[in-house]
Protein backbone atom coordinates (compact mmCIF):
# COMPACT_ATOMS: atom_id res chain seq x y z
CA MET A 1 68.46 72.91 87.71
CA ARG A 2 66.39 76.08 87.74
CA MET A 3 62.89 76.27 86.29
CA TYR A 4 63.66 79.77 84.98
CA ASP A 5 66.48 78.37 82.81
CA LEU A 6 64.24 75.58 81.50
CA ILE A 7 61.46 78.02 80.56
CA LEU A 8 64.05 80.15 78.75
CA LYS A 9 65.45 77.10 76.99
CA LYS A 10 62.08 76.05 75.59
CA ARG A 11 61.14 79.65 74.77
CA ASN A 12 64.25 79.68 72.58
CA LYS A 13 63.11 76.44 70.89
CA LYS A 14 65.84 74.21 72.30
CA GLU A 15 65.41 70.53 73.08
CA PHE A 16 65.11 69.25 76.66
CA THR A 17 67.19 66.33 77.88
CA LYS A 18 65.59 63.31 79.53
CA GLU A 19 66.91 64.47 82.92
CA GLU A 20 65.39 67.94 82.48
CA ILE A 21 61.95 66.54 81.62
CA TYR A 22 62.05 64.16 84.60
CA TYR A 23 63.03 67.09 86.82
CA ILE A 24 60.10 69.21 85.57
CA VAL A 25 57.46 66.48 86.02
CA ASN A 26 58.68 65.18 89.39
CA SER A 27 59.20 68.67 90.82
CA TYR A 28 55.72 69.82 89.77
CA VAL A 29 54.06 66.70 91.21
CA LYS A 30 55.88 67.31 94.51
CA ASN A 31 54.84 71.01 94.52
CA ARG A 32 58.42 72.24 94.17
CA ILE A 33 57.55 74.32 91.11
CA PRO A 34 54.95 77.11 91.37
CA SER A 35 51.99 76.92 89.00
CA TYR A 36 52.86 80.22 87.32
CA GLN A 37 56.21 78.85 86.17
CA MET A 38 54.66 75.60 84.99
CA ALA A 39 52.01 77.60 83.14
CA ALA A 40 54.74 79.61 81.42
CA LEU A 41 56.50 76.43 80.37
CA LEU A 42 53.28 74.89 79.01
CA MET A 43 52.71 77.99 76.88
CA CYS A 44 56.28 77.74 75.56
CA ILE A 45 55.66 74.09 74.65
CA TYR A 46 52.35 75.05 73.01
CA PHE A 47 54.12 77.51 70.68
CA GLN A 48 57.55 75.88 70.27
CA GLY A 49 56.50 72.24 70.32
CA MET A 50 58.51 69.21 71.39
CA SER A 51 60.52 66.68 69.43
CA LYS A 52 59.44 63.02 69.24
CA LYS A 53 62.20 62.17 71.70
CA GLU A 54 61.02 64.85 74.15
CA THR A 55 57.41 63.67 73.87
CA ILE A 56 58.43 60.08 74.68
CA TYR A 57 60.50 61.30 77.66
CA LEU A 58 57.53 63.35 78.87
CA THR A 59 55.19 60.35 78.61
CA GLU A 60 57.72 58.16 80.43
CA ALA A 61 58.27 60.73 83.20
CA MET A 62 54.52 61.15 83.74
CA LEU A 63 54.03 57.37 83.79
CA LYS A 64 56.85 56.76 86.27
CA SER A 65 55.75 59.55 88.61
CA GLU A 66 52.55 57.67 89.42
CA ASP A 67 51.27 54.27 90.48
CA VAL A 68 50.11 51.85 87.78
CA LEU A 69 47.33 49.29 87.62
CA ASP A 70 49.31 46.04 87.76
CA LEU A 71 47.28 43.34 86.02
CA LYS A 72 50.07 40.82 85.39
CA ASP A 73 48.33 38.18 87.52
CA ILE A 74 45.28 38.20 85.18
CA ASP A 75 46.16 35.68 82.50
CA LYS A 76 43.96 37.08 79.73
CA PRO A 77 44.55 39.59 76.91
CA LYS A 78 44.03 43.19 78.06
CA ALA A 79 42.90 46.02 75.82
CA ASP A 80 41.30 49.45 75.81
CA LYS A 81 40.05 52.11 73.43
CA HIS A 82 40.51 55.86 73.75
CA SER A 83 38.71 58.61 71.86
CA THR A 84 39.86 62.21 71.65
CA GLY A 85 36.21 63.18 72.16
CA GLY A 86 33.25 64.47 70.23
CA VAL A 87 29.52 65.14 70.31
CA GLY A 88 27.42 62.00 70.79
CA ASP A 89 30.57 59.85 70.94
CA GLY A 90 29.23 57.21 73.33
CA VAL A 91 31.11 54.35 71.66
CA SER A 92 32.87 53.27 74.88
CA LEU A 93 29.59 52.49 76.63
CA SER A 94 28.82 49.62 74.25
CA LEU A 95 32.33 48.75 73.04
CA ALA A 96 33.75 47.92 76.50
CA PRO A 97 31.16 45.22 77.37
CA LEU A 98 31.07 43.90 73.79
CA LEU A 99 34.86 43.49 73.77
CA ALA A 100 34.77 41.85 77.22
CA SER A 101 32.37 39.23 75.83
CA PHE A 102 35.39 37.84 73.91
CA GLU A 103 37.19 37.01 77.18
CA VAL A 104 39.24 40.20 76.80
CA VAL A 105 39.97 42.17 79.98
CA VAL A 106 38.94 45.82 79.52
CA PRO A 107 40.24 48.24 82.21
CA MET A 108 38.71 51.48 80.92
CA MET A 109 39.95 54.52 82.84
CA SER A 110 37.62 57.31 81.71
CA GLY A 111 36.99 61.03 82.12
CA ARG A 112 34.23 63.60 82.49
CA SER A 113 32.71 66.09 80.09
CA LEU A 114 34.44 69.40 79.59
CA GLY A 115 33.74 72.05 76.98
CA HIS A 116 31.65 70.71 74.09
CA THR A 117 32.47 67.00 74.51
CA GLY A 118 30.70 64.45 76.67
CA GLY A 119 32.29 62.30 79.37
CA THR A 120 31.86 58.55 79.83
CA LEU A 121 31.76 58.82 83.62
CA ASP A 122 28.94 61.39 83.55
CA LYS A 123 26.94 59.16 81.22
CA LEU A 124 27.33 56.13 83.48
CA GLU A 125 26.41 58.16 86.55
CA SER A 126 22.99 58.78 85.00
CA ILE A 127 22.35 55.13 85.98
CA GLU A 128 20.96 55.11 89.52
CA GLY A 129 23.64 54.03 92.03
CA PHE A 130 26.43 53.52 89.47
CA ASN A 131 29.81 53.99 91.19
CA VAL A 132 32.79 55.11 89.09
CA TYR A 133 35.14 55.57 92.08
CA LEU A 134 36.76 52.17 92.46
CA THR A 135 39.88 51.27 94.43
CA LYS A 136 42.65 49.42 92.63
CA SER A 137 41.83 46.23 94.51
CA LYS A 138 38.14 46.56 93.52
CA ILE A 139 39.11 47.18 89.88
CA LYS A 140 41.30 44.06 89.79
CA LYS A 141 38.68 41.94 91.53
CA GLN A 142 35.99 43.08 89.09
CA LEU A 143 38.22 42.51 86.06
CA LYS A 144 38.97 38.97 87.22
CA LYS A 145 35.26 38.27 87.71
CA ILE A 146 33.54 39.87 84.69
CA GLY A 147 36.40 41.21 82.54
CA VAL A 148 35.36 44.86 82.37
CA ALA A 149 35.46 47.96 84.57
CA ILE A 150 34.88 51.61 83.66
CA PHE A 151 36.23 53.91 86.35
CA ALA A 152 37.65 57.28 87.32
CA THR A 153 41.33 57.72 88.09
CA THR A 154 42.26 56.62 91.59
CA LYS A 155 43.98 58.95 94.05
CA ASP A 156 47.46 57.56 93.37
CA MET A 157 47.13 56.93 89.63
CA VAL A 158 47.95 59.43 86.84
CA VAL A 159 48.86 62.07 89.43
CA ALA A 160 51.15 63.95 87.05
CA ASP A 161 48.57 64.01 84.27
CA LYS A 162 45.80 65.24 86.58
CA LYS A 163 47.93 68.15 87.82
CA ILE A 164 49.30 69.12 84.42
CA TYR A 165 45.98 68.72 82.59
CA ALA A 166 44.17 70.91 85.12
CA LEU A 167 46.70 73.66 84.45
CA ARG A 168 46.53 73.19 80.68
CA ASP A 169 42.77 73.56 80.82
CA LEU A 170 43.12 76.88 82.66
CA THR A 171 45.88 78.26 80.44
CA ALA A 172 44.55 77.55 76.91
CA THR A 173 47.27 74.97 76.21
CA VAL A 174 45.05 71.89 75.75
CA GLU A 175 45.45 71.70 71.94
CA SER A 176 49.17 70.90 71.98
CA ILE A 177 50.01 67.61 70.26
CA PRO A 178 52.98 66.71 72.51
CA LEU A 179 50.99 67.53 75.66
CA ILE A 180 47.85 65.71 74.44
CA SER A 181 49.93 62.69 73.43
CA ALA A 182 51.80 62.40 76.74
CA SER A 183 48.54 62.87 78.65
CA ILE A 184 46.64 60.15 76.78
CA MET A 185 49.46 57.62 76.60
CA SER A 186 50.65 57.97 80.21
CA LYS A 187 47.09 57.10 81.32
CA LYS A 188 46.73 54.17 78.94
CA LEU A 189 50.19 52.76 79.64
CA ALA A 190 49.29 52.82 83.34
CA GLU A 191 46.56 50.23 82.61
CA SER A 192 49.01 47.38 81.81
CA LEU A 193 47.51 46.83 78.35
CA ASP A 194 48.45 44.41 75.59
CA ALA A 195 46.65 46.44 72.93
CA LEU A 196 45.20 49.92 72.51
CA LEU A 197 42.98 51.40 69.80
CA LEU A 198 42.93 55.17 69.45
CA ASP A 199 40.00 57.04 67.91
CA VAL A 200 41.24 60.45 66.77
CA LYS A 201 38.36 62.71 65.75
CA THR A 202 38.59 65.33 63.01
CA GLY A 203 36.08 67.88 61.72
CA ASN A 204 34.22 70.89 63.08
CA GLY A 205 33.16 69.08 66.27
CA ALA A 206 36.64 67.79 67.14
CA PHE A 207 39.54 69.30 69.07
CA MET A 208 41.65 68.59 65.99
CA GLU A 209 39.42 70.18 63.33
CA LYS A 210 42.00 69.94 60.52
CA PHE A 211 42.76 66.49 59.14
CA SER A 212 46.50 67.31 59.06
CA SER A 213 46.46 67.98 62.82
CA ALA A 214 44.50 64.79 63.52
CA LEU A 215 46.96 62.83 61.38
CA GLU A 216 49.95 64.28 63.24
CA LEU A 217 48.34 63.44 66.60
CA ALA A 218 47.46 59.90 65.50
CA LYS A 219 51.02 59.25 64.29
CA THR A 220 52.51 60.63 67.51
CA LEU A 221 50.24 58.47 69.70
CA VAL A 222 51.05 55.33 67.72
CA GLU A 223 54.80 56.06 67.82
CA ILE A 224 54.69 56.43 71.61
CA GLY A 225 52.73 53.19 71.97
CA LYS A 226 55.20 51.28 69.83
CA HIS A 227 58.13 52.72 71.81
CA PHE A 228 56.61 51.08 74.90
CA ASN A 229 56.04 47.77 73.02
CA LEU A 230 52.28 48.19 72.96
CA ASN A 231 50.19 46.81 70.09
CA VAL A 232 48.58 50.04 68.99
CA SER A 233 46.61 51.45 66.08
CA ALA A 234 44.73 54.69 65.46
CA LEU A 235 41.62 55.41 63.42
CA ILE A 236 40.98 58.97 62.24
CA THR A 237 37.18 59.31 62.30
CA ASP A 238 34.68 61.97 61.33
CA MET A 239 33.20 64.57 63.69
CA ASN A 240 31.60 66.94 61.17
CA GLN A 241 28.23 65.93 62.61
CA PRO A 242 27.09 64.32 65.87
CA LEU A 243 27.63 60.58 66.11
CA GLY A 244 24.52 58.42 66.54
CA GLU A 245 21.02 59.74 67.22
CA TYR A 246 21.13 60.65 70.92
CA ILE A 247 23.30 63.21 72.69
CA GLY A 248 23.14 63.61 76.45
CA ASN A 249 24.06 61.49 79.42
CA SER A 250 21.07 59.23 80.13
CA LEU A 251 20.08 59.32 76.45
CA GLU A 252 23.47 57.95 75.40
CA VAL A 253 23.15 55.14 77.93
CA TYR A 254 19.75 54.35 76.38
CA GLN A 255 21.39 54.41 72.94
CA ALA A 256 24.18 52.08 74.13
CA ILE A 257 21.56 49.56 75.24
CA LYS A 258 19.91 49.83 71.81
CA ILE A 259 23.29 49.21 70.14
CA LEU A 260 23.89 46.14 72.32
CA LYS A 261 20.41 44.90 71.36
CA ASN A 262 21.47 45.38 67.72
CA GLU A 263 18.82 48.09 67.34
CA GLY A 264 21.11 51.14 67.38
CA PRO A 265 21.71 53.90 64.81
CA LYS A 266 23.68 52.77 61.76
CA ASP A 267 26.72 55.06 62.05
CA ILE A 268 27.62 54.55 65.72
CA THR A 269 26.82 50.81 65.54
CA GLU A 270 29.13 50.49 62.54
CA LEU A 271 31.89 52.27 64.46
CA VAL A 272 31.43 50.06 67.54
CA ILE A 273 31.67 46.92 65.39
CA LEU A 274 34.69 48.21 63.47
CA GLN A 275 36.61 49.29 66.57
CA THR A 276 35.88 46.08 68.45
CA SER A 277 37.06 44.00 65.49
CA LYS A 278 40.22 46.14 65.19
CA ILE A 279 41.07 45.42 68.84
CA LEU A 280 40.59 41.67 68.29
CA GLN A 281 43.07 41.98 65.41
CA LEU A 282 45.56 43.94 67.53
CA LEU A 283 45.36 41.19 70.16
CA LYS A 284 45.80 38.58 67.41
CA ILE A 285 42.64 36.82 68.60
CA GLU A 286 41.53 36.99 64.98
CA LYS A 287 43.93 38.16 62.27
CA ASP A 288 41.48 38.23 59.35
CA PRO A 289 39.53 41.55 59.37
CA ASN A 290 36.43 40.06 57.77
CA ILE A 291 36.25 37.12 60.15
CA ALA A 292 36.86 39.44 63.12
CA THR A 293 33.98 41.66 61.99
CA GLN A 294 31.66 38.68 61.55
CA LYS A 295 32.51 37.44 65.04
CA VAL A 296 31.70 40.84 66.54
CA ILE A 297 28.38 40.97 64.68
CA LYS A 298 27.58 37.47 65.96
CA HIS A 299 28.31 38.48 69.57
CA LEU A 300 26.19 41.60 69.15
CA SER A 301 23.25 39.67 67.65
CA ALA A 302 23.46 37.00 70.35
CA GLY A 303 23.29 39.60 73.14
CA TYR A 304 26.66 38.69 74.68
CA GLY A 305 27.67 42.36 74.93
CA LEU A 306 24.32 43.28 76.48
CA GLU A 307 24.76 40.62 79.17
CA LYS A 308 28.26 41.99 79.95
CA PHE A 309 26.83 45.51 80.21
CA LYS A 310 24.29 44.23 82.74
CA GLN A 311 27.09 42.56 84.71
CA LEU A 312 29.09 45.81 84.60
CA ILE A 313 26.14 47.82 85.94
CA GLU A 314 25.51 45.32 88.75
CA ALA A 315 29.22 45.13 89.68
CA GLN A 316 29.39 48.92 90.07
CA ASN A 317 26.15 49.16 92.09
CA GLY A 318 23.96 50.50 89.28
CA ASN A 319 20.35 49.59 88.61
CA PRO A 320 20.31 46.77 85.99
CA LYS A 321 16.56 47.26 85.38
CA ILE A 322 17.45 49.94 82.80
CA ILE A 323 18.40 47.14 80.38
CA ASP A 324 14.78 46.07 79.97
CA ASN A 325 13.00 49.26 80.98
CA PRO A 326 14.50 52.65 79.99
CA LYS A 327 12.02 54.41 82.29
CA PHE A 328 14.40 53.55 85.12
CA LEU A 329 16.81 56.07 83.56
CA PRO A 330 16.23 59.70 84.64
CA GLN A 331 13.71 61.52 82.42
CA ALA A 332 13.46 65.20 81.46
CA LYS A 333 10.19 67.09 82.09
CA TYR A 334 9.84 68.50 78.57
CA LYS A 335 10.39 67.41 74.98
CA THR A 336 10.19 69.96 72.15
CA ALA A 337 11.01 69.82 68.43
CA ILE A 338 13.37 72.27 66.71
CA LEU A 339 11.89 72.98 63.27
CA ALA A 340 13.66 73.77 59.99
CA GLU A 341 13.18 77.39 58.93
CA LYS A 342 13.17 76.47 55.22
CA ALA A 343 13.16 73.46 52.92
CA GLY A 344 16.36 72.11 51.42
CA TYR A 345 19.38 69.88 51.94
CA ILE A 346 21.49 69.98 55.10
CA THR A 347 24.93 70.92 53.80
CA LYS A 348 26.66 71.67 57.12
CA ILE A 349 26.14 70.99 60.81
CA ASN A 350 28.11 73.06 63.33
CA THR A 351 28.79 70.16 65.67
CA LYS A 352 30.81 72.12 68.21
CA LEU A 353 27.98 74.68 68.55
CA ILE A 354 25.54 71.83 69.27
CA GLY A 355 27.88 70.46 71.95
CA LEU A 356 28.46 73.85 73.57
CA SER A 357 24.74 74.72 73.48
CA LEU A 358 23.84 71.40 75.08
CA ALA A 359 26.48 71.92 77.78
CA LYS A 360 24.82 75.23 78.69
CA LEU A 361 21.44 73.47 78.71
CA GLY A 362 22.82 71.05 81.30
CA THR A 363 24.61 68.10 79.64
CA GLY A 364 28.12 69.31 80.48
CA ARG A 365 30.15 71.70 82.55
CA GLU A 366 32.29 74.76 81.99
CA LYS A 367 34.42 73.85 85.01
CA LEU A 368 34.88 70.52 86.80
CA THR A 369 32.83 71.59 89.85
CA ASP A 370 29.66 72.31 87.79
CA LYS A 371 26.74 69.91 88.26
CA ILE A 372 25.39 67.84 85.38
CA ASP A 373 21.73 67.43 84.46
CA HIS A 374 21.70 63.79 83.35
CA THR A 375 18.25 64.04 81.75
CA VAL A 376 19.02 66.83 79.26
CA GLY A 377 19.85 66.05 75.65
CA ILE A 378 18.64 65.80 72.07
CA LYS A 379 17.58 63.23 69.52
CA ILE A 380 18.96 64.16 66.10
CA LEU A 381 16.42 63.48 63.34
CA LYS A 382 18.25 64.90 60.31
CA LYS A 383 21.89 64.63 59.32
CA LEU A 384 24.21 65.83 56.57
CA ASN A 385 22.98 65.63 52.95
CA GLN A 386 19.42 64.77 53.99
CA PHE A 387 16.45 66.75 52.65
CA VAL A 388 14.20 68.56 55.11
CA GLU A 389 10.85 70.28 54.53
CA LYS A 390 10.09 73.70 55.97
CA GLN A 391 8.85 73.32 59.56
CA GLU A 392 9.96 69.68 59.62
CA PRO A 393 11.68 68.67 62.91
CA LEU A 394 15.48 68.65 62.86
CA MET A 395 15.74 67.31 66.40
CA TYR A 396 13.85 66.77 69.64
CA VAL A 397 15.19 68.52 72.74
CA TYR A 398 14.80 67.04 76.23
CA TYR A 399 15.06 69.66 78.99
CA ASN A 400 13.87 70.85 82.41
CA ASN A 401 14.58 74.58 82.37
CA LYS A 402 12.32 76.53 79.98
CA ASN A 403 14.43 79.70 80.09
CA LYS A 404 17.60 77.78 79.19
CA PHE A 405 15.70 76.02 76.42
CA GLU A 406 14.73 79.36 74.84
CA GLU A 407 18.40 80.38 74.84
CA PHE A 408 19.33 77.00 73.35
CA LYS A 409 16.66 77.32 70.66
CA LYS A 410 18.00 80.68 69.48
CA SER A 411 21.55 79.41 69.03
CA ILE A 412 20.93 75.86 67.81
CA ILE A 413 18.98 76.73 64.65
CA SER A 414 22.11 78.41 63.26
CA ALA A 415 23.99 75.11 63.59
CA PHE A 416 22.18 73.75 60.52
CA LEU A 417 23.02 75.16 57.09
CA ILE A 418 20.21 74.32 54.66
CA SER A 419 20.68 74.85 50.90
CA GLU A 420 18.58 74.28 47.78
CA ASN A 421 21.18 72.20 45.98
CA LYS A 422 22.03 68.68 47.05
CA PRO A 423 25.66 68.59 48.28
CA ASP A 424 28.16 66.32 46.57
CA LYS A 425 30.57 66.13 49.51
CA ILE A 426 30.28 62.96 51.59
CA TYR A 427 32.13 62.60 54.88
CA PRO A 428 33.33 59.03 55.49
CA LEU A 429 32.93 57.55 58.96
CA VAL A 430 36.64 56.58 58.96
CA TYR A 431 39.27 58.54 57.02
CA LYS A 432 42.46 56.61 57.70
CA GLU A 433 44.11 54.00 59.90
CA ILE A 434 47.58 54.60 61.32
CA LYS A 435 49.54 51.49 62.33
């Protein structure tokens, strides 16, 4: 086979065979295909798409080109949750330990922030000493002992995805449903799961802004999971405004602790409870949705999830004192309110602008080598449809660099659209479930 012929084939909207897809993935992993040819092929896929059969072959080829986390010797149900990412989406931080409190093994392979979305690993690294770089033997040992581990990809796991994703990020081909689907599912299938819940975000702060695109992605992800005999479901959830109250690395850890103490913001707490109960249903630990929800609420109220979070922090060399004293989390030097320029109802929040502005302030990175300021972030005080007086605070900003804050202040005020009339449009937390 020649890569030139394969690029031409996809450019002309023809379907790849299984052998051709395996050749592409294996050759690129082994550095037998130059990046410029792979980039050309990714752009062809972005514009011409892939069939369901091609997408499954791509997922399979990526999965088989790398080592997997073999957990067959752990005789407990294994499950994970994956979100397509958003602003303030720190659900994983509290969901993973809460789910583990049900004697479910949770091997959560996570990522870092990029663009306007936050990364679970960056948030956890705001905890002093917390180590996300675990060997496979350490992961397995920890899962056997406490039932939960949140970690970065190991050197020999998801090799194909790491190489292909890095190129997609540099060539504006991230928002391709076949490529997104194969990327997500090859990683999750490598975790030896019994069940997987997918959180597909939609709205102005999501990668899939249009509901139709989010729906197509959710259906594709579920179809792939079922092909590999995985109990899988997807929730399409709202990202037309930030989730929770706190956005920023150490602030979201603080918020996760509040959630696990049953003192968290209503929206994100509701989503944590819902998603945890959905996973219990997927695992058939509890088939009745209402009973599953009540069990999750009971575990949350009893502090079982909080105790697991403490065990997780200790197991990965973090400072467990943050559970009882948030002052052990890194703190920003300054805290300033952003004030409303007029009175009225908040009819729109440009969530992506908030995420991008915060990234420039220090919460995220434009490229993977950029350093994170774990102390930077905001506390959202007003959300959609709420009334605000003129000069009333919309948010508090936590920062260290005054010059960057002034830049942030200029851009962030335009993220809030305030109108005289009360809006009649209400965005639900969850739009649809795909099974």
